[in-house]
Protein backbone atom coordinates (compact mmCIF):
# COMPACT_ATOMS: atom_id res chain seq x y z
CA MET A 1 -18.25 -74.13 6.98
CA LEU A 2 -17.82 -70.32 6.60
CA LEU A 3 -19.75 -69.00 9.37
CA LYS A 4 -18.16 -71.91 11.87
CA THR A 5 -14.40 -70.13 10.77
CA THR A 6 -16.05 -67.04 11.54
CA GLN A 7 -17.41 -67.38 13.93
CA SER A 8 -13.44 -68.84 14.96
CA VAL A 9 -11.70 -65.81 13.82
CA ALA A 10 -14.07 -63.57 16.15
CA LYS A 11 -13.67 -65.61 19.06
CA SER A 12 -9.58 -65.46 18.65
CA CYS A 13 -9.54 -61.92 18.18
CA PHE A 14 -11.88 -61.67 21.76
CA GLN A 15 -9.12 -63.66 23.32
CA VAL A 16 -6.64 -61.90 25.61
CA PRO A 17 -4.19 -63.63 27.31
CA LYS A 18 -4.17 -63.44 31.08
CA ARG A 19 -1.07 -62.31 32.18
CA THR A 20 -1.71 -58.89 29.47
CA PHE A 21 -4.96 -58.36 31.13
CA VAL A 22 -3.42 -58.73 34.70
CA ARG A 23 -0.76 -55.74 33.16
CA GLY A 24 -3.18 -54.08 31.94
CA ALA A 25 -5.53 -53.78 34.79
CA LEU A 26 -2.43 -52.52 37.30
CA LEU A 27 -1.33 -50.43 35.31
CA ASP A 28 -4.53 -48.62 34.18
CA TYR A 29 -5.45 -48.72 38.55
CA PHE A 30 -2.06 -46.96 38.82
CA LYS A 31 -2.53 -44.24 36.07
CA HIS A 32 1.04 -45.44 34.38
CA HIS A 33 0.93 -45.94 30.32
CA ASP A 34 2.30 -49.30 28.92
CA GLN A 35 5.72 -47.55 27.54
CA LYS A 36 6.69 -51.55 25.84
CA ASP A 37 3.69 -51.15 24.20
CA ALA A 38 3.28 -50.65 20.49
CA ASN A 39 0.67 -47.58 20.03
CA TYR A 40 2.54 -45.97 23.13
CA GLN A 41 5.54 -45.93 21.50
CA VAL A 42 4.29 -44.65 18.25
CA ALA A 43 2.35 -41.71 20.30
CA SER A 44 5.20 -40.84 22.34
CA PHE A 45 7.62 -40.60 19.65
CA ASN A 46 9.22 -37.15 19.35
CA PRO A 47 9.32 -36.17 16.07
CA ALA A 48 12.60 -34.28 16.29
CA THR A 49 14.27 -37.07 16.27
CA PRO A 50 16.73 -37.35 13.25
CA LEU A 51 16.22 -40.52 10.77
CA GLU A 52 19.03 -42.84 10.09
CA GLY A 53 21.12 -41.63 7.15
CA HIS A 54 18.33 -38.75 6.53
CA LYS A 55 19.83 -35.55 5.17
CA GLY A 56 17.28 -32.64 5.57
CA ILE A 57 17.46 -29.93 3.00
CA VAL A 58 18.95 -26.94 4.65
CA ARG A 59 18.94 -23.17 3.30
CA ALA A 60 20.68 -20.40 5.55
CA SER A 61 19.72 -17.19 5.66
CA GLY A 62 22.66 -14.74 4.33
CA GLU A 63 23.26 -11.33 3.14
CA ARG A 64 19.94 -8.99 1.83
CA LYS A 65 21.24 -7.90 -1.83
CA THR A 66 18.96 -6.38 -4.46
CA LYS A 67 19.31 -6.85 -8.18
CA VAL A 68 17.87 -5.18 -11.31
CA THR A 69 17.81 -6.28 -14.80
CA LYS A 70 16.33 -4.78 -17.64
CA LEU A 71 15.24 -6.71 -20.48
CA LYS A 72 15.00 -6.50 -24.05
CA ASN A 73 11.96 -5.48 -24.36
CA GLY A 74 12.20 -2.90 -21.94
CA ILE A 75 10.83 -4.49 -18.82
CA THR A 76 12.70 -4.33 -15.72
CA VAL A 77 13.01 -7.09 -13.24
CA VAL A 78 13.95 -5.97 -9.50
CA THR A 79 14.99 -9.04 -6.87
CA GLU A 80 15.53 -9.50 -3.34
CA VAL A 81 17.89 -12.90 -2.79
CA GLY A 82 19.86 -13.72 0.36
CA ALA A 83 16.86 -13.24 2.42
CA PHE A 84 15.74 -15.15 5.25
CA PRO A 85 14.32 -17.92 3.99
CA GLY A 86 10.04 -17.49 3.95
CA VAL A 87 7.84 -16.43 1.42
CA VAL A 88 8.28 -15.18 -1.75
CA ASP A 89 6.65 -12.10 -2.12
CA LEU A 90 6.01 -11.01 -6.04
CA GLY A 91 4.85 -7.98 -7.48
CA ILE A 92 4.31 -5.74 -10.96
CA LEU A 93 4.14 -1.86 -11.11
CA LEU A 94 2.71 0.10 -13.42
CA ASP A 95 3.96 3.29 -13.85
CA VAL A 96 0.53 3.97 -14.53
CA GLY A 97 -2.04 6.35 -12.17
CA VAL A 98 -5.23 8.05 -12.08
CA ARG A 99 -3.14 11.13 -13.89
CA ASP A 100 -2.96 9.29 -16.90
CA GLU A 101 -6.49 8.85 -16.95
CA THR A 102 -8.33 11.80 -18.87
CA LYS A 103 -12.28 13.04 -18.78
CA GLU A 104 -12.55 9.82 -21.63
CA THR A 105 -11.07 7.25 -19.71
CA SER A 106 -11.80 8.50 -15.92
CA GLY A 107 -12.92 5.50 -13.56
CA ALA A 108 -10.61 2.81 -15.61
CA LEU A 109 -8.20 2.24 -12.94
CA LEU A 110 -11.02 1.48 -10.22
CA SER A 111 -12.55 -1.04 -12.97
CA ILE A 112 -9.35 -2.76 -13.66
CA LYS A 113 -9.51 -2.51 -9.80
CA ASN A 114 -13.16 -4.33 -9.09
CA THR A 115 -12.50 -6.99 -11.86
CA TYR A 116 -9.09 -7.78 -10.93
CA LEU A 117 -9.18 -11.18 -11.09
CA LYS A 118 -10.95 -10.98 -14.32
CA THR A 119 -8.97 -13.08 -17.24
CA VAL A 120 -10.59 -14.81 -20.07
CA LEU A 121 -6.99 -15.12 -22.83
CA THR A 122 -5.39 -18.17 -20.73
CA THR A 123 -7.24 -19.08 -17.08
CA ASN A 124 -10.76 -17.46 -15.76
CA GLU A 125 -12.07 -15.81 -12.40
CA THR A 126 -12.67 -19.05 -10.93
CA VAL A 127 -9.06 -20.58 -11.99
CA ASN A 128 -7.42 -17.42 -10.63
CA TYR A 129 -9.07 -17.71 -7.27
CA GLY A 130 -8.43 -21.13 -6.44
CA ILE A 131 -4.33 -20.32 -7.51
CA VAL A 132 -4.41 -17.90 -4.79
CA GLN A 133 -6.66 -20.37 -2.18
CA MET A 134 -3.95 -23.56 -2.91
CA SER A 135 -1.12 -21.57 -2.79
CA GLY A 136 -2.33 -20.24 0.61
CA GLY A 137 -1.01 -16.68 -0.23
CA ASP A 138 -2.64 -13.81 -1.00
CA PHE A 139 -3.63 -10.88 -4.08
CA THR A 140 -4.03 -7.65 -4.21
CA MET A 141 -4.17 -5.43 -6.53
CA ASP A 142 -3.94 -0.95 -5.69
CA TYR A 143 -3.31 2.44 -7.56
CA ASP A 144 -3.00 5.60 -7.09
CA GLN A 145 -1.80 8.98 -8.50
CA GLU A 146 1.26 7.59 -10.57
CA ASN A 147 1.35 3.78 -9.47
CA THR A 148 -0.49 1.03 -10.20
CA TYR A 149 1.00 -2.13 -8.57
CA PHE A 150 -0.39 -5.86 -8.54
CA LYS A 151 0.86 -8.12 -5.28
CA ALA A 152 0.78 -11.17 -3.83
CA HIS A 153 2.25 -14.16 -1.92
CA CYS A 154 3.09 -17.63 -1.62
CA LEU A 155 5.45 -20.41 -1.30
CA GLY A 156 8.32 -21.08 -3.25
CA HIS A 157 7.14 -23.93 -5.43
CA ASP A 158 4.08 -21.55 -6.48
CA VAL A 159 5.65 -18.67 -7.73
CA THR A 160 5.72 -20.26 -11.68
CA ASP A 161 1.87 -20.34 -10.95
CA VAL A 162 0.79 -17.16 -9.11
CA PHE A 163 3.46 -14.99 -11.42
CA SER A 164 2.07 -16.13 -14.39
CA MET A 165 -1.72 -15.20 -13.10
CA ILE A 166 -0.28 -11.99 -11.65
CA SER A 167 1.09 -10.80 -15.37
CA ASP A 168 -2.80 -12.25 -16.82
CA CYS A 169 -4.42 -10.29 -14.84
CA ALA A 170 -2.33 -6.83 -14.64
CA LEU A 171 -1.94 -6.97 -18.37
CA GLU A 172 -4.66 -8.81 -19.75
CA PRO A 173 -7.03 -6.34 -21.90
CA LYS A 174 -10.36 -6.47 -20.11
CA SER A 175 -13.09 -8.39 -21.65
CA ALA A 176 -16.58 -7.26 -21.99
CA VAL A 177 -18.01 -9.10 -19.26
CA ALA A 178 -15.54 -7.89 -17.05
CA ALA A 179 -16.52 -4.11 -18.07
CA ASP A 180 -19.71 -4.43 -17.56
CA VAL A 181 -18.89 -6.11 -14.35
CA GLY A 182 -16.92 -2.76 -13.46
CA ILE A 183 -19.36 -0.32 -14.21
CA TRP A 184 -21.57 -2.42 -11.79
CA LYS A 185 -18.96 -2.47 -9.16
CA ASN A 186 -17.97 1.62 -9.91
CA HIS A 187 -21.47 2.34 -8.85
CA GLU A 188 -21.43 0.67 -5.98
CA THR A 189 -18.18 1.78 -4.81
CA HIS A 190 -19.75 5.15 -5.32
CA LYS A 191 -22.78 4.36 -3.33
CA LEU A 192 -20.70 2.76 -0.56
CA GLU A 193 -18.19 6.11 0.10
CA ASP A 194 -21.96 8.27 0.02
CA TYR A 195 -22.52 5.75 2.89
CA LEU A 196 -19.22 5.30 4.73
CA GLN A 197 -18.56 9.12 4.48
CA THR A 198 -14.34 8.25 4.35
CA GLY A 199 -13.48 11.48 3.13
CA GLU A 200 -12.29 10.59 -0.27
CA ASP A 201 -14.41 12.57 -2.01
CA PHE A 202 -13.23 15.82 -0.43
CA HIS A 203 -9.56 14.45 -0.90
CA ASP A 204 -10.39 14.16 -4.41
CA GLN A 205 -11.72 17.95 -4.32
CA VAL A 206 -8.48 19.11 -2.86
CA MET A 207 -6.31 17.90 -5.29
CA GLN A 208 -8.70 19.41 -8.22
CA VAL A 209 -8.15 22.77 -6.60
CA ALA A 210 -4.46 22.09 -6.61
CA TYR A 211 -3.81 20.54 -9.94
CA GLY A 212 -6.82 21.65 -12.07
CA GLY A 213 -9.45 19.02 -13.51
CA LYS A 214 -6.75 16.82 -15.44
CA GLY A 215 -3.35 15.08 -14.46
CA LEU A 216 -3.24 14.91 -10.78
CA GLY A 217 -6.12 16.27 -10.07
CA MET A 218 -8.24 13.42 -11.82
CA PRO A 219 -10.06 11.79 -8.96
CA LEU A 220 -9.02 8.67 -7.68
CA THR A 221 -12.50 6.86 -8.07
CA GLY A 222 -12.95 8.35 -11.43
CA HIS A 223 -16.65 10.78 -12.35
CA ARG A 224 -19.21 9.15 -11.81
CA HIS A 225 -21.10 10.72 -14.48
CA ASN A 226 -18.82 8.72 -16.93
CA VAL A 227 -19.09 5.20 -15.06
CA ASN A 228 -21.49 3.93 -17.75
CA TYR A 229 -19.49 4.99 -20.50
CA LEU A 230 -16.82 2.14 -19.39
CA ASN A 231 -17.12 -0.39 -21.76
CA ALA A 232 -14.23 -2.97 -22.73
CA HIS A 233 -13.26 -0.78 -25.99
CA THR A 234 -12.84 2.49 -23.12
CA ILE A 235 -10.79 0.08 -20.78
CA GLN A 236 -8.74 -1.55 -23.62
CA LYS A 237 -8.00 1.84 -25.29
CA PHE A 238 -6.55 3.06 -21.96
CA GLN A 239 -4.20 -0.01 -21.13
CA MET A 240 -3.15 0.24 -24.93
CA GLU A 241 -2.17 3.69 -24.86
CA ASN A 242 -0.48 3.53 -20.98
CA ILE A 243 0.99 0.20 -20.62
CA ASN A 244 4.09 -0.71 -22.19
CA PRO A 245 7.03 -2.38 -21.67
CA SER A 246 9.31 0.63 -20.80
CA ARG A 247 6.37 1.63 -17.79
CA ILE A 248 6.46 -2.32 -16.31
CA PHE A 249 8.57 -3.31 -13.35
CA VAL A 250 8.55 -6.90 -11.99
CA ALA A 251 9.49 -7.08 -8.39
CA ALA A 252 10.14 -10.90 -6.66
CA ALA A 253 11.68 -11.08 -2.75
CA GLY A 254 12.51 -14.05 -0.60
CA LEU A 255 14.14 -15.80 -3.64
CA GLU A 256 17.14 -18.47 -4.30
CA ASP A 257 17.96 -17.34 -7.52
CA HIS A 258 17.87 -13.47 -9.61
CA ASP A 259 18.94 -15.18 -12.99
CA GLU A 260 16.33 -17.95 -12.67
CA PHE A 261 13.73 -15.57 -11.80
CA VAL A 262 14.68 -13.05 -14.95
CA ASN A 263 14.47 -16.59 -17.03
CA LEU A 264 10.83 -16.89 -15.98
CA VAL A 265 9.90 -13.56 -16.49
CA GLU A 266 11.61 -13.18 -20.03
CA GLU A 267 9.61 -16.62 -20.68
CA LYS A 268 5.80 -15.09 -19.76
CA LEU A 269 6.34 -11.06 -20.80
CA GLY A 270 9.35 -11.11 -23.40
CA PHE A 271 6.96 -11.08 -26.10
CA LEU A 272 5.73 -7.74 -25.10
CA GLN A 273 6.75 -4.82 -27.81
CA GLN A 274 6.68 -1.63 -27.45
CA SER A 275 3.57 0.35 -28.49
CA LYS A 276 4.10 2.45 -31.28
CA GLY A 277 1.01 4.74 -30.37
CA GLY A 278 1.69 4.91 -26.69
CA LYS A 279 0.89 7.72 -24.86
CA GLN A 280 3.23 10.29 -23.29
CA ARG A 281 2.53 11.78 -19.29
CA ASP A 282 1.65 15.31 -19.34
CA ALA A 283 3.58 17.73 -17.02
CA SER A 284 1.86 18.18 -14.04
CA LYS A 285 0.99 21.93 -13.10
CA TYR A 286 0.00 23.42 -9.98
CA LEU A 287 -2.78 26.21 -9.56
CA GLY A 288 -4.03 26.48 -6.53
CA GLY A 289 -7.61 28.14 -5.26
CA GLU A 290 -10.20 27.63 -2.83
CA TYR A 291 -13.08 24.69 -2.75
CA ARG A 292 -16.29 25.43 -0.23
CA ASN A 293 -19.23 23.33 0.62
CA ALA A 294 -21.71 23.68 3.01
CA VAL A 295 -23.33 21.34 4.14
CA GLU A 296 -25.67 21.10 6.89
CA GLY A 297 -24.19 20.14 10.16
CA ASN A 298 -21.65 21.35 12.84
CA HIS A 299 -18.66 19.78 11.55
CA LEU A 300 -16.12 21.48 9.65
CA ASN A 301 -13.21 19.89 7.35
CA ILE A 302 -10.39 22.45 6.44
CA VAL A 303 -7.30 21.60 3.79
CA LEU A 304 -4.77 24.31 4.25
CA ALA A 305 -1.80 22.93 1.47
CA PHE A 306 0.87 24.43 -0.97
CA GLU A 307 3.13 22.78 -3.59
CA SER A 308 6.07 20.94 -2.17
CA VAL A 309 8.61 19.08 -3.95
CA ASN A 310 8.86 16.60 -6.03
CA TRP A 311 10.40 13.30 -5.49
CA LYS A 312 14.03 13.83 -6.80
CA HIS A 313 14.41 17.19 -5.13
CA SER A 314 16.45 17.88 -2.42
CA ASP A 315 14.25 18.83 -0.03
CA VAL A 316 12.08 15.72 0.09
CA ILE A 317 13.07 14.38 3.28
CA THR A 318 13.15 17.79 5.06
CA PHE A 319 9.02 17.93 4.51
CA ASN A 320 8.95 14.15 5.31
CA VAL A 321 10.75 15.35 8.82
CA ILE A 322 8.63 18.20 9.12
CA SER A 323 5.12 15.83 8.66
CA ALA A 324 6.36 14.09 11.46
CA LEU A 325 7.29 16.88 13.64
CA LEU A 326 3.76 17.88 12.69
CA GLY A 327 2.54 14.53 13.04
CA ASN A 328 -1.70 13.48 13.87
CA SER A 329 -3.51 13.74 16.29
CA SER A 330 -5.70 10.82 15.79
CA VAL A 331 -5.75 8.52 19.30
CA GLU A 332 -4.36 5.22 16.86
CA ALA A 333 -1.47 7.23 15.84
CA HIS A 334 -0.61 8.03 19.72
CA THR A 335 -0.47 4.27 20.53
CA LEU A 336 2.05 3.82 17.45
CA GLY A 337 4.47 6.67 19.21
CA LYS A 338 3.80 9.05 16.36
CA GLY A 339 1.51 11.74 17.68
CA LEU A 340 1.91 12.12 21.32
CA ASN A 341 4.00 14.38 21.20
CA ALA A 342 3.57 16.11 17.52
CA ARG A 343 2.65 19.55 17.53
CA LEU A 344 -0.71 19.34 15.73
CA ARG A 345 -2.00 17.18 18.72
CA LYS A 346 -0.04 19.34 21.69
CA ASN A 347 -0.94 22.77 19.94
CA LEU A 348 -3.93 21.84 18.71
CA ALA A 349 -5.95 19.14 19.70
CA GLU A 350 -4.84 19.41 23.44
CA LYS A 351 -5.66 23.00 24.21
CA ASN A 352 -9.03 23.11 21.36
CA ALA A 353 -11.72 21.58 22.29
CA TYR A 354 -13.57 22.62 19.06
CA ILE A 355 -10.79 20.56 17.11
CA ASP A 356 -11.76 17.18 16.68
CA TYR A 357 -8.50 15.97 14.49
CA ALA A 358 -5.33 17.15 12.66
CA HIS A 359 -2.66 15.34 10.74
CA ALA A 360 -0.11 16.55 8.36
CA LEU A 361 -0.50 16.44 4.70
CA ASN A 362 2.52 15.06 2.86
CA PHE A 363 2.39 14.39 -0.90
CA HIS A 364 5.18 13.89 -3.64
CA PHE A 365 5.05 12.82 -7.24
CA SER A 366 7.10 13.02 -9.63
CA ASP A 367 7.36 16.50 -10.95
CA SER A 368 5.51 17.81 -8.15
CA GLY A 369 3.92 17.77 -4.14
CA LEU A 370 1.50 19.04 -2.30
CA PHE A 371 2.13 20.16 1.36
CA GLY A 372 -0.30 21.13 4.46
CA ILE A 373 -2.99 20.59 7.37
CA HIS A 374 -6.38 19.07 7.01
CA ALA A 375 -8.31 19.49 10.53
CA GLN A 376 -11.80 18.71 11.95
CA GLY A 377 -13.76 20.66 14.35
CA SER A 378 -16.91 22.44 14.79
CA ALA A 379 -18.12 24.64 12.20
CA SER A 380 -19.01 27.08 14.69
CA ASN A 381 -15.65 27.62 15.49
CA GLY A 382 -14.17 27.11 11.68
CA LYS A 383 -12.30 30.65 11.89
CA GLU A 384 -10.74 29.75 14.57
CA ILE A 385 -9.22 26.11 13.74
CA LEU A 386 -8.03 28.51 10.37
CA ASN A 387 -6.20 30.78 12.40
CA SER A 388 -4.78 27.88 14.62
CA LEU A 389 -3.66 26.20 11.23
CA THR A 390 -1.80 29.28 9.64
CA THR A 391 -0.32 30.02 13.26
CA GLU A 392 1.49 26.39 13.13
CA LEU A 393 2.53 26.93 9.92
CA LYS A 394 3.63 30.08 9.77
CA ASN A 395 5.75 28.67 13.13
CA LEU A 396 7.63 26.46 11.07
CA THR A 397 9.61 29.42 10.04
CA LYS A 398 10.98 29.53 13.56
CA PRO A 399 14.44 27.84 15.09
CA ILE A 400 12.91 24.65 15.85
CA PRO A 401 14.35 23.19 19.03
CA ALA A 402 17.13 20.36 19.18
CA ASP A 403 15.12 18.28 21.13
CA GLU A 404 11.87 18.52 19.51
CA LEU A 405 13.59 18.13 15.45
CA GLN A 406 15.67 15.03 17.00
CA ARG A 407 11.95 13.03 18.56
CA ALA A 408 10.55 13.80 15.36
CA LYS A 409 13.74 12.27 12.89
CA ASN A 410 13.35 9.22 15.46
CA VAL A 411 9.62 8.76 14.85
CA LEU A 412 10.37 9.25 11.19
CA LYS A 413 13.58 6.89 11.37
CA ALA A 414 11.24 4.33 13.06
CA ASN A 415 8.54 4.23 10.74
CA ILE A 416 10.90 3.70 7.80
CA ALA A 417 12.62 0.66 9.81
CA ALA A 418 9.20 -0.85 10.39
CA THR A 419 8.01 -0.82 7.11
CA LEU A 420 11.84 -1.84 5.45
CA GLU A 421 11.40 -4.57 8.08
CA ARG A 422 8.07 -6.16 5.96
CA GLN A 423 9.29 -8.07 2.83
CA THR A 424 6.55 -7.33 1.39
CA ASP A 425 6.80 -3.51 1.73
CA ARG A 426 10.84 -3.59 1.52
CA ILE A 427 11.07 -4.65 -2.28
CA GLU A 428 7.55 -2.05 -3.41
CA GLU A 429 9.81 0.02 -1.97
CA ALA A 430 12.86 -1.07 -3.98
CA VAL A 431 11.10 -1.29 -6.87
CA LYS A 432 8.96 2.07 -6.65
CA ASN A 433 13.19 3.31 -6.16
CA VAL A 434 14.31 1.59 -9.40
CA LYS A 435 11.24 3.23 -11.09
CA LEU A 436 12.25 6.74 -9.84
CA PHE A 437 15.74 7.16 -9.27
CA GLY A 438 17.21 3.98 -11.60
CA GLY A 439 18.48 1.93 -8.41
CA VAL A 440 17.58 1.37 -4.94
CA TYR A 441 18.81 3.56 -2.25
CA THR A 442 17.20 2.67 0.82
CA ASP A 443 19.92 2.05 2.88
CA LYS A 444 20.65 6.29 3.20
CA TYR A 445 17.38 7.36 4.44
CA PHE A 446 18.30 7.18 7.83
CA SER A 447 21.65 9.23 7.14
CA GLU A 448 19.71 11.71 5.18
CA VAL A 449 17.09 12.08 8.15
CA ASP A 450 19.70 12.66 10.19
CA LYS A 451 20.79 15.79 8.01
CA VAL A 452 18.23 17.89 8.08
CA THR A 453 18.66 20.90 9.81
CA SER A 454 15.80 23.29 11.44
CA GLU A 455 17.22 26.17 9.14
CA GLN A 456 16.33 23.37 6.09
CA ILE A 457 12.75 23.37 7.56
CA ASN A 458 12.67 27.29 7.98
CA LYS A 459 13.42 27.63 4.87
CA ALA A 460 11.81 24.95 2.74
CA VAL A 461 8.56 26.21 5.07
CA ALA A 462 9.49 29.79 3.96
CA ASP A 463 9.76 29.39 0.37
CA LEU A 464 6.19 27.38 0.16
CA LEU A 465 4.55 30.13 2.27
CA THR A 466 5.00 32.40 -0.82
CA LYS A 467 3.22 30.40 -3.06
CA ASN A 468 -0.48 30.31 -3.94
CA PRO A 469 -2.40 28.28 -1.76
CA THR A 470 -4.48 25.74 -1.70
CA PHE A 471 -7.91 25.90 0.23
CA ALA A 472 -10.60 23.62 0.44
CA VAL A 473 -13.77 23.51 3.08
CA ARG A 474 -16.73 21.53 3.69
CA GLY A 475 -19.65 21.62 6.48
CA GLY A 476 -21.31 24.62 8.12
CA ASP A 477 -20.91 27.43 7.73
CA ALA A 478 -18.21 27.35 4.92
CA TYR A 479 -18.73 30.30 3.36
CA SER A 480 -18.31 32.13 6.75
CA LEU A 481 -14.29 31.81 6.61
CA PRO A 482 -12.02 34.40 5.20
CA SER A 483 -11.77 34.68 1.55
CA LEU A 484 -8.68 33.44 -0.07
CA ASP A 485 -6.73 36.63 -0.50
CA LYS A 486 -7.49 37.29 3.51
CA ILE A 487 -6.01 33.94 4.10
CA GLN A 488 -2.92 34.43 2.06
CA ASN A 489 -2.34 37.92 3.67
CA SER A 490 -2.23 36.26 6.82
CA LEU A 491 0.42 34.34 6.16
CA LYS A 492 2.91 36.90 5.39
CA LEU A 493 6.35 36.49 7.68
């Protein structure tokens, strides 16, 4: 009986009404679709058609507003609300950099960067990686001489989980396992630098000549001889001495409600208290001097730099305009419109075949700064390259043509505008403003650039050239170049 029923059902399934079959055959022959067919109507339905009785969730873009709140324990929360709806950018800025490392803890920040996803108290590396992947966002960590920044982006409904993860990764004391992995990865980082020759080692030597073997002169990737001593005790000691609530700045952009995010930060980090054994940052001391490293080959790297100004100095914008005026001779810079008419391109790279590359150096710190020129070229023409650098610096003490000055200002403003257009960069700039100045002043950048005059540039560079220079050279014939005293004498106006 069951078999018979099955046969009957199967037979009925293959029976097609004659009228339907003929209609379908005609439509296929003339290559038309049967618009009355249910399958066609489902497949061709316009998803933009409003559903009857359904009301969507609408969030309109508004005026961007930056708000700042300081928690009772000293943590500062900076948010940007009211922007165009999109992803949320989160960050934790620590007022900690390699200048806070010592000979004992040198390389601690590199170890933390190499293991920044490793936690053990609440989650672990696998869970943290999974949170990032499931959120469809990204999570990175970077540092420099004075700042350490953990940043991520995600959709709004993942903010709680992602912020909790960032907090754990940024503030949890590193475990023994993480420290051991960090030792291995630090070794590999140095090996990779030896192979790639990115110039980081040379940059570290320049900073060491300028500021000595401590503070701002500490290497970004740490002393190589100290890697094996970066155990869990050493890393945790560095964290405990330098990470306090007053040096923690939490940032978020793309939010709908500032107070709601402040409550989230309070709930997660409100228990942190100021450490009684917190270490105070030592003031920087500029020294200047020379560094020469003769290596085989016909390439030469030369840096001639001087102490400039800190972030709060009135000439900080002036030096940024000077940097845009000198520019960068690389091809990448030309495509971005930064170096096509820059002095280092027109006066050095285009006129001298022995100069491969030149760019302006411009660093600002909380209590110092460094400005100069870095050039790379043929070792056999080292003296000519050095003379070109001194000539360019001295020419900055002469009146700047109005059109050239305006072009440099436009380049600088274009770079600022491009940075502030990106939400992730905008909130990072805002939170660093709060750390340095106590408020957000990005809206004043353009007007300050427009105020810079040729006379200000001439005076700033003239004052610069009276200071002890930092001279660093690496390459063939490094010791054939003039002495530091002769270089200093050649810079006299």
